[in-house]
Amino acid sequence: MSTEVSTYLATIEGADRTALERVYAIAREIVPEAEEGTSYAMAALIYRGKSLLATVQAKKFLALYPYSGAVVAATLDALADFDTTTGSIHYSAAHQLPDDVVRRIVQTRRDEIDAKAR
């Protein structure tokens, strides 16, 4: 059994770890069949052989990577209070992404993977 996400989270301490664990927990709730793995050298959840999402601690922020610029773009209306790039969303333990936004990101990415698998 892969444990990349669990192993990575064990290296993070305090509020950042709690914030990262929360995002992974929401993702696992929505896509329980997702497995732990690695994508672009980051611990990630993998669904149907494709990267579903990763969330990691950077030097100055936490970052969520849905591995899809289209997913970030489709969620921009709910991300006005957060910094984004074409492929990532930046947040912090003190300014976390709302549950409904995380759910929307995960559902959108899952649906994108499912559509490409057909």
C-alpha atoms as a PDB file:
ATOM      1  CA  MET A   1       0.000   0.000   0.000  1.00  0.00           C
ATOM      2  CA  SER A   2       1.370   3.413  -0.960  1.00  0.00           C
ATOM      3  CA  THR A   3       1.848   5.897   1.844  1.00  0.00           C
ATOM      4  CA  GLU A   4       3.390   8.893   0.108  1.00  0.00           C
ATOM      5  CA  VAL A   5       0.831  11.413   1.424  1.00  0.00           C
ATOM      6  CA  SER A   6       0.919  10.002   4.951  1.00  0.00           C
ATOM      7  CA  THR A   7       4.716   9.982   4.967  1.00  0.00           C
ATOM      8  CA  TYR A   8       4.837  13.561   3.665  1.00  0.00           C
ATOM      9  CA  LEU A   9       2.314  14.828   6.223  1.00  0.00           C
ATOM     10  CA  ALA A  10       4.393  13.288   9.016  1.00  0.00           C
ATOM     11  CA  THR A  11       7.185  15.738   8.083  1.00  0.00           C
ATOM     12  CA  ILE A  12       4.980  18.805   8.634  1.00  0.00           C
ATOM     13  CA  GLU A  13       4.195  20.212  12.071  1.00  0.00           C
ATOM     14  CA  GLY A  14       1.533  22.340  13.710  1.00  0.00           C
ATOM     15  CA  ALA A  15      -1.217  24.304  12.034  1.00  0.00           C
ATOM     16  CA  ASP A  16       0.181  23.770   8.530  1.00  0.00           C
ATOM     17  CA  ARG A  17      -0.084  19.999   8.948  1.00  0.00           C
ATOM     18  CA  THR A  18      -3.652  20.291  10.207  1.00  0.00           C
ATOM     19  CA  ALA A  19      -4.588  22.482   7.223  1.00  0.00           C
ATOM     20  CA  LEU A  20      -3.001  20.069   4.725  1.00  0.00           C
ATOM     21  CA  GLU A  21      -4.629  17.046   6.380  1.00  0.00           C
ATOM     22  CA  ARG A  22      -8.020  18.771   6.147  1.00  0.00           C
ATOM     23  CA  VAL A  23      -7.745  19.202   2.364  1.00  0.00           C
ATOM     24  CA  TYR A  24      -6.690  15.573   1.888  1.00  0.00           C
ATOM     25  CA  ALA A  25      -9.532  14.401   4.157  1.00  0.00           C
ATOM     26  CA  ILE A  26     -12.113  16.286   2.096  1.00  0.00           C
ATOM     27  CA  ALA A  27     -10.650  14.870  -1.117  1.00  0.00           C
ATOM     28  CA  ARG A  28     -10.736  11.324   0.280  1.00  0.00           C
ATOM     29  CA  GLU A  29     -14.346  11.807   1.352  1.00  0.00           C
ATOM     30  CA  ILE A  30     -15.340  12.807  -2.194  1.00  0.00           C
ATOM     31  CA  VAL A  31     -13.117  10.287  -3.997  1.00  0.00           C
ATOM     32  CA  PRO A  32     -12.606   7.428  -1.518  1.00  0.00           C
ATOM     33  CA  GLU A  33     -11.046   5.227  -4.189  1.00  0.00           C
ATOM     34  CA  ALA A  34      -8.150   7.685  -4.656  1.00  0.00           C
ATOM     35  CA  GLU A  35      -4.786   6.199  -3.776  1.00  0.00           C
ATOM     36  CA  GLU A  36      -1.652   7.793  -2.411  1.00  0.00           C
ATOM     37  CA  GLY A  37       1.149   8.279  -4.882  1.00  0.00           C
ATOM     38  CA  THR A  38       3.557  10.832  -6.290  1.00  0.00           C
ATOM     39  CA  SER A  39       3.083  13.306  -9.111  1.00  0.00           C
ATOM     40  CA  TYR A  40       5.534  15.987 -10.202  1.00  0.00           C
ATOM     41  CA  ALA A  41       7.694  15.009  -7.194  1.00  0.00           C
ATOM     42  CA  MET A  42       4.849  15.793  -4.777  1.00  0.00           C
ATOM     43  CA  ALA A  43       2.903  13.424  -2.587  1.00  0.00           C
ATOM     44  CA  ALA A  44      -0.505  13.273  -4.242  1.00  0.00           C
ATOM     45  CA  LEU A  45      -3.809  11.498  -4.441  1.00  0.00           C
ATOM     46  CA  ILE A  46      -4.141   9.472  -7.627  1.00  0.00           C
ATOM     47  CA  TYR A  47      -7.480   8.588  -9.200  1.00  0.00           C
ATOM     48  CA  ARG A  48      -7.866   6.226 -12.148  1.00  0.00           C
ATOM     49  CA  GLY A  49      -4.121   6.480 -12.730  1.00  0.00           C
ATOM     50  CA  LYS A  50      -4.242  10.291 -12.974  1.00  0.00           C
ATOM     51  CA  SER A  51      -3.176  12.935 -10.476  1.00  0.00           C
ATOM     52  CA  LEU A  52      -6.223  14.134  -8.557  1.00  0.00           C
ATOM     53  CA  LEU A  53      -4.606  16.666  -6.245  1.00  0.00           C
ATOM     54  CA  ALA A  54      -1.667  17.514  -4.055  1.00  0.00           C
ATOM     55  CA  THR A  55      -1.378  20.072  -1.313  1.00  0.00           C
ATOM     56  CA  VAL A  56       2.009  20.970   0.077  1.00  0.00           C
ATOM     57  CA  GLN A  57       3.858  23.366   2.320  1.00  0.00           C
ATOM     58  CA  ALA A  58       5.920  25.950   0.438  1.00  0.00           C
ATOM     59  CA  LYS A  59       8.249  28.456   2.034  1.00  0.00           C
ATOM     60  CA  LYS A  60       5.665  31.248   2.425  1.00  0.00           C
ATOM     61  CA  PHE A  61       2.307  29.533   1.865  1.00  0.00           C
ATOM     62  CA  LEU A  62       0.478  26.258   1.424  1.00  0.00           C
ATOM     63  CA  ALA A  63      -0.371  25.315  -2.144  1.00  0.00           C
ATOM     64  CA  LEU A  64      -3.090  23.158  -3.626  1.00  0.00           C
ATOM     65  CA  TYR A  65      -2.400  21.637  -7.036  1.00  0.00           C
ATOM     66  CA  PRO A  66      -5.415  20.150  -8.837  1.00  0.00           C
ATOM     67  CA  TYR A  67      -3.143  19.221 -11.772  1.00  0.00           C
ATOM     68  CA  SER A  68      -5.368  21.128 -14.151  1.00  0.00           C
ATOM     69  CA  GLY A  69      -5.371  24.747 -15.199  1.00  0.00           C
ATOM     70  CA  ALA A  70      -8.975  24.257 -16.296  1.00  0.00           C
ATOM     71  CA  VAL A  71      -9.978  23.324 -12.739  1.00  0.00           C
ATOM     72  CA  VAL A  72      -8.284  26.418 -11.319  1.00  0.00           C
ATOM     73  CA  ALA A  73      -9.928  28.589 -13.986  1.00  0.00           C
ATOM     74  CA  ALA A  74     -13.343  27.029 -13.320  1.00  0.00           C
ATOM     75  CA  THR A  75     -13.023  27.878  -9.630  1.00  0.00           C
ATOM     76  CA  LEU A  76     -11.613  31.419  -9.881  1.00  0.00           C
ATOM     77  CA  ASP A  77     -14.944  32.990  -8.927  1.00  0.00           C
ATOM     78  CA  ALA A  78     -14.607  31.398  -5.465  1.00  0.00           C
ATOM     79  CA  LEU A  79     -10.902  32.224  -5.103  1.00  0.00           C
ATOM     80  CA  ALA A  80     -10.920  36.037  -5.067  1.00  0.00           C
ATOM     81  CA  ASP A  81      -9.363  36.077  -1.580  1.00  0.00           C
ATOM     82  CA  PHE A  82      -6.530  33.729  -2.570  1.00  0.00           C
ATOM     83  CA  ASP A  83      -3.458  33.976  -4.768  1.00  0.00           C
ATOM     84  CA  THR A  84      -3.542  31.645  -7.756  1.00  0.00           C
ATOM     85  CA  THR A  85      -1.363  30.641 -10.664  1.00  0.00           C
ATOM     86  CA  THR A  86      -2.524  28.786 -13.749  1.00  0.00           C
ATOM     87  CA  GLY A  87      -1.994  25.514 -11.885  1.00  0.00           C
ATOM     88  CA  SER A  88      -2.087  26.224  -8.152  1.00  0.00           C
ATOM     89  CA  ILE A  89      -4.001  27.900  -5.367  1.00  0.00           C
ATOM     90  CA  HIS A  90      -2.168  29.425  -2.413  1.00  0.00           C
ATOM     91  CA  TYR A  91      -3.600  29.477   1.083  1.00  0.00           C
ATOM     92  CA  SER A  92      -2.391  29.320   4.673  1.00  0.00           C
ATOM     93  CA  ALA A  93      -3.318  27.699   7.959  1.00  0.00           C
ATOM     94  CA  ALA A  94      -4.666  31.077   9.068  1.00  0.00           C
ATOM     95  CA  HIS A  95      -6.566  31.646   5.783  1.00  0.00           C
ATOM     96  CA  GLN A  96      -7.792  28.255   4.648  1.00  0.00           C
ATOM     97  CA  LEU A  97      -9.835  27.386   1.605  1.00  0.00           C
ATOM     98  CA  PRO A  98     -13.499  26.950   2.571  1.00  0.00           C
ATOM     99  CA  ASP A  99     -14.771  23.363   2.618  1.00  0.00           C
ATOM    100  CA  ASP A 100     -17.217  24.013  -0.223  1.00  0.00           C
ATOM    101  CA  VAL A 101     -14.418  25.388  -2.416  1.00  0.00           C
ATOM    102  CA  VAL A 102     -12.188  22.371  -1.749  1.00  0.00           C
ATOM    103  CA  ARG A 103     -15.140  20.088  -2.520  1.00  0.00           C
ATOM    104  CA  ARG A 104     -15.800  21.937  -5.776  1.00  0.00           C
ATOM    105  CA  ILE A 105     -12.146  21.676  -6.831  1.00  0.00           C
ATOM    106  CA  VAL A 106     -11.995  17.958  -6.073  1.00  0.00           C
ATOM    107  CA  GLN A 107     -15.325  17.225  -7.770  1.00  0.00           C
ATOM    108  CA  THR A 108     -14.350  19.231 -10.849  1.00  0.00           C
ATOM    109  CA  ARG A 109     -11.010  17.443 -11.132  1.00  0.00           C
ATOM    110  CA  ARG A 110     -12.628  14.022 -10.580  1.00  0.00           C
ATOM    111  CA  ASP A 111     -15.203  14.783 -13.271  1.00  0.00           C
ATOM    112  CA  GLU A 112     -12.449  15.925 -15.633  1.00  0.00           C
ATOM    113  CA  ILE A 113     -10.548  12.660 -15.114  1.00  0.00           C
ATOM    114  CA  ASP A 114     -13.725  10.624 -15.588  1.00  0.00           C
ATOM    115  CA  ALA A 115     -14.567  12.472 -18.822  1.00  0.00           C
ATOM    116  CA  LYS A 116     -11.109  11.803 -20.280  1.00  0.00           C
ATOM    117  CA  ALA A 117     -11.340   8.118 -19.314  1.00  0.00           C
ATOM    118  CA  ARG A 118     -14.474   7.581 -21.412  1.00  0.00           C
END
